[in-house]
Amino acid sequence: MRVHTDNELAPQPALRSFLFVAGSSRPGGNTEALARLAAAELPPGIPRRWLCLRDLDLPPFRDIGHRGDPVGEPAGVERMLLEATLAATDLVLVTPLYWYSMSWPVKLYLDHWATWERVPGVAFKERMRGKTLWAVSVMADEDLRVADPLLKVLEMSAGYLGARFAGALLGTGSWPGDVLHDAGAVARARQYFAQGHW
């Protein structure tokens, strides 16, 4: 009879890895606080990486697709973001709600996806298929329906890539720390990633 070691009998972490892309223009904001609350509930052993776009010098997006110019190899910050995006099974966009949509750093990050689709040998769209896209957003309005335009953009973007959009964790807050007093948002944060079916 084969004897199992303790390590073999211990629950093994799922083959999942989370990339949190934080797009607030200020540190310590409500959206990041809510996202970190949710991230704390992920099962032990699940890799998670945080990238704050405000700390990265991502170059402006230039749409050259219709000119027929060749797309060069991404370098520097852009390459790091590309590799981190492809390495994760789950992407969490952490963006305050600005004008009923995402913050400009997150929009810039997504705009670069259009270029990454055309980088030879990367197969960006194919490698995005099957990933799960999550979102965390905090707004000043107590009517969470004002985030519907953001949710539609993310749902359609995920659909285009063949990824799954898991919906958004939404909360209300204006001044730093406000969202932690939003009991509904805090409760939802504790359960948000539970739909990942660990």
Protein backbone atom coordinates (compact mmCIF):
# COMPACT_ATOMS: atom_id res chain seq x y z
CA MET A 1 0.00 0.00 0.00
CA ARG A 2 1.31 3.44 -0.95
CA VAL A 3 1.77 5.87 1.90
CA HIS A 4 0.79 9.46 1.12
CA THR A 5 2.97 12.23 2.44
CA ASP A 6 1.45 15.18 4.31
CA ASN A 7 2.31 17.39 1.36
CA GLU A 8 0.36 15.19 -1.04
CA LEU A 9 -2.69 15.17 1.19
CA ALA A 10 -2.70 18.93 1.74
CA PRO A 11 -5.06 20.94 -0.47
CA GLN A 12 -3.20 22.10 -3.53
CA PRO A 13 -3.71 25.66 -4.80
CA ALA A 14 -5.55 26.06 -8.06
CA LEU A 15 -3.51 26.88 -11.12
CA ARG A 16 -4.65 30.50 -11.04
CA SER A 17 -2.74 33.76 -10.82
CA PHE A 18 -4.17 37.24 -10.34
CA LEU A 19 -2.90 40.49 -11.78
CA PHE A 20 -4.35 43.61 -10.15
CA VAL A 21 -3.95 46.64 -12.41
CA ALA A 22 -4.59 49.71 -10.28
CA GLY A 23 -5.52 52.84 -12.21
CA SER A 24 -6.19 55.49 -9.59
CA SER A 25 -4.31 58.76 -9.97
CA ARG A 26 -3.75 59.00 -6.21
CA PRO A 27 -2.32 56.55 -3.68
CA GLY A 28 -4.50 55.24 -0.90
CA GLY A 29 -7.75 55.75 -2.79
CA ASN A 30 -11.09 54.10 -2.11
CA THR A 31 -11.02 51.82 -5.15
CA GLU A 32 -7.67 50.32 -4.26
CA ALA A 33 -8.76 49.90 -0.63
CA LEU A 34 -11.84 47.96 -1.73
CA ALA A 35 -9.80 45.83 -4.11
CA ARG A 36 -7.28 44.96 -1.40
CA LEU A 37 -10.13 43.96 0.90
CA ALA A 38 -11.40 41.57 -1.75
CA ALA A 39 -7.90 40.27 -2.55
CA ALA A 40 -7.37 39.35 1.10
CA GLU A 41 -10.14 36.76 0.69
CA LEU A 42 -8.39 34.86 -2.10
CA PRO A 43 -7.37 31.34 -1.05
CA PRO A 44 -3.83 30.93 0.30
CA GLY A 45 -1.32 29.96 -2.35
CA ILE A 46 -3.00 31.87 -5.16
CA PRO A 47 -0.34 34.15 -6.69
CA ARG A 48 -1.31 37.80 -6.87
CA ARG A 49 0.61 40.72 -8.32
CA TRP A 50 -0.19 44.42 -8.03
CA LEU A 51 0.83 46.97 -10.65
CA CYS A 52 -0.01 50.62 -10.02
CA LEU A 53 -0.20 52.42 -13.35
CA ARG A 54 0.46 55.80 -11.73
CA ASP A 55 3.96 54.53 -10.89
CA LEU A 56 4.67 53.34 -14.43
CA ASP A 57 5.65 55.51 -17.36
CA LEU A 58 3.51 53.80 -19.99
CA PRO A 59 4.02 55.63 -23.31
CA PRO A 60 1.09 57.21 -25.16
CA PHE A 61 -0.87 54.93 -27.43
CA ARG A 62 -0.31 55.47 -31.16
CA ASP A 63 -2.73 53.72 -33.50
CA ILE A 64 -0.69 52.92 -36.57
CA GLY A 65 -2.63 49.85 -37.68
CA HIS A 66 -4.27 51.45 -40.70
CA ARG A 67 -1.00 52.85 -42.03
CA GLY A 68 0.42 49.40 -42.49
CA ASP A 69 3.53 50.24 -40.47
CA PRO A 70 5.13 47.23 -38.80
CA VAL A 71 4.57 46.96 -35.07
CA GLY A 72 7.84 46.78 -33.19
CA GLU A 73 8.65 44.74 -30.14
CA PRO A 74 7.31 46.35 -26.94
CA ALA A 75 10.08 47.51 -24.62
CA GLY A 76 10.47 48.76 -21.08
CA VAL A 77 7.27 49.32 -19.11
CA GLU A 78 5.09 48.31 -22.04
CA ARG A 79 6.81 44.93 -22.36
CA MET A 80 6.58 44.35 -18.62
CA LEU A 81 2.83 45.04 -18.70
CA LEU A 82 2.35 42.80 -21.73
CA GLU A 83 4.20 39.91 -20.10
CA ALA A 84 2.37 40.37 -16.79
CA THR A 85 -0.98 40.45 -18.59
CA LEU A 86 -0.31 37.25 -20.49
CA ALA A 87 1.11 35.47 -17.45
CA ALA A 88 -2.05 35.94 -15.36
CA THR A 89 -5.15 33.80 -15.60
CA ASP A 90 -7.24 36.51 -13.93
CA LEU A 91 -7.03 40.26 -14.59
CA VAL A 92 -8.52 42.68 -12.09
CA LEU A 93 -8.97 46.24 -13.33
CA VAL A 94 -9.01 48.55 -10.32
CA THR A 95 -10.39 51.88 -11.51
CA PRO A 96 -12.36 54.70 -9.93
CA LEU A 97 -15.41 55.71 -11.90
CA TYR A 98 -14.60 58.88 -13.86
CA TRP A 99 -17.30 60.32 -16.13
CA TYR A 100 -19.19 57.01 -16.02
CA SER A 101 -16.20 55.08 -17.29
CA MET A 102 -12.67 54.04 -16.36
CA SER A 103 -9.76 56.24 -15.35
CA TRP A 104 -7.40 57.40 -18.08
CA PRO A 105 -4.47 55.18 -16.94
CA VAL A 106 -6.66 52.09 -17.29
CA LYS A 107 -7.98 53.26 -20.65
CA LEU A 108 -4.40 53.77 -21.83
CA TYR A 109 -3.50 50.26 -20.68
CA LEU A 110 -6.44 48.81 -22.61
CA ASP A 111 -5.60 50.89 -25.69
CA HIS A 112 -2.21 49.21 -25.76
CA TRP A 113 -3.98 45.86 -26.09
CA ALA A 114 -4.84 46.90 -29.65
CA THR A 115 -1.13 47.21 -30.45
CA TRP A 116 -0.24 43.98 -28.67
CA GLU A 117 -2.68 42.15 -30.94
CA ARG A 118 -0.42 43.02 -33.87
CA VAL A 119 2.98 42.23 -32.36
CA PRO A 120 4.39 39.35 -34.42
CA GLY A 121 4.69 36.08 -32.57
CA VAL A 122 2.78 37.20 -29.46
CA ALA A 123 -0.69 35.84 -30.37
CA PHE A 124 -2.19 38.24 -27.83
CA LYS A 125 -5.85 37.67 -28.65
CA GLU A 126 -5.48 33.91 -28.68
CA ARG A 127 -3.65 33.92 -25.34
CA MET A 128 -6.28 36.16 -23.75
CA ARG A 129 -8.99 33.64 -24.58
CA GLY A 130 -10.26 31.87 -21.49
CA LYS A 131 -8.91 34.38 -18.99
CA THR A 132 -11.27 35.99 -16.49
CA LEU A 133 -11.64 39.75 -16.34
CA TRP A 134 -12.76 41.31 -13.03
CA ALA A 135 -13.26 44.95 -12.10
CA VAL A 136 -13.36 47.00 -8.91
CA SER A 137 -14.72 50.54 -8.99
CA VAL A 138 -15.77 53.14 -6.44
CA MET A 139 -17.88 56.18 -7.25
CA ALA A 140 -19.27 59.18 -5.41
CA ASP A 141 -22.85 58.38 -6.44
CA GLU A 142 -24.88 56.04 -4.24
CA ASP A 143 -26.79 54.80 -7.30
CA LEU A 144 -24.49 52.07 -8.55
CA ARG A 145 -26.29 52.00 -11.90
CA VAL A 146 -24.18 54.97 -12.97
CA ALA A 147 -21.40 52.41 -13.51
CA ASP A 148 -23.42 50.59 -16.20
CA PRO A 149 -21.47 52.20 -19.10
CA LEU A 150 -18.19 50.97 -17.58
CA LEU A 151 -19.55 47.47 -17.12
CA LYS A 152 -20.76 47.34 -20.72
CA VAL A 153 -17.35 48.38 -22.05
CA LEU A 154 -15.60 45.68 -20.02
CA GLU A 155 -18.17 43.03 -20.89
CA MET A 156 -17.81 43.72 -24.62
CA SER A 157 -14.01 43.90 -24.41
CA ALA A 158 -13.86 40.54 -22.67
CA GLY A 159 -16.26 39.07 -25.23
CA TYR A 160 -14.14 40.29 -28.12
CA LEU A 161 -11.12 38.51 -26.68
CA GLY A 162 -12.99 35.33 -25.77
CA ALA A 163 -12.44 36.04 -22.08
CA ARG A 164 -15.04 35.83 -19.30
CA PHE A 165 -16.24 39.01 -17.61
CA ALA A 166 -17.01 38.22 -13.97
CA GLY A 167 -18.80 41.48 -13.28
CA ALA A 168 -17.66 44.28 -11.02
CA LEU A 169 -17.30 44.93 -7.34
CA LEU A 170 -18.78 48.38 -6.81
CA GLY A 171 -18.79 50.74 -3.85
CA THR A 172 -19.51 54.30 -2.87
CA GLY A 173 -17.01 56.79 -1.50
CA SER A 174 -15.50 60.18 -2.10
CA TRP A 175 -13.00 61.07 0.61
CA PRO A 176 -10.20 58.58 1.32
CA GLY A 177 -11.47 55.71 3.45
CA ASP A 178 -15.15 56.38 2.76
CA VAL A 179 -15.73 53.07 1.02
CA LEU A 180 -14.79 51.14 4.15
CA HIS A 181 -17.94 52.61 5.74
CA ASP A 182 -20.05 51.28 2.86
CA ALA A 183 -21.31 48.11 4.56
CA GLY A 184 -22.75 46.70 1.35
CA ALA A 185 -19.49 47.14 -0.56
CA VAL A 186 -17.46 45.60 2.27
CA ALA A 187 -19.77 42.57 2.37
CA ARG A 188 -19.58 42.17 -1.40
CA ALA A 189 -15.79 42.44 -1.28
CA ARG A 190 -15.60 39.51 1.12
CA GLN A 191 -17.49 37.34 -1.38
CA TYR A 192 -16.39 38.80 -4.72
CA PHE A 193 -13.78 36.24 -5.70
CA ALA A 194 -15.81 33.35 -4.26
CA GLN A 195 -17.42 32.96 -7.68
CA GLY A 196 -14.02 31.76 -8.89
CA HIS A 197 -15.09 28.22 -7.82
CA TRP A 198 -11.92 27.22 -6.02
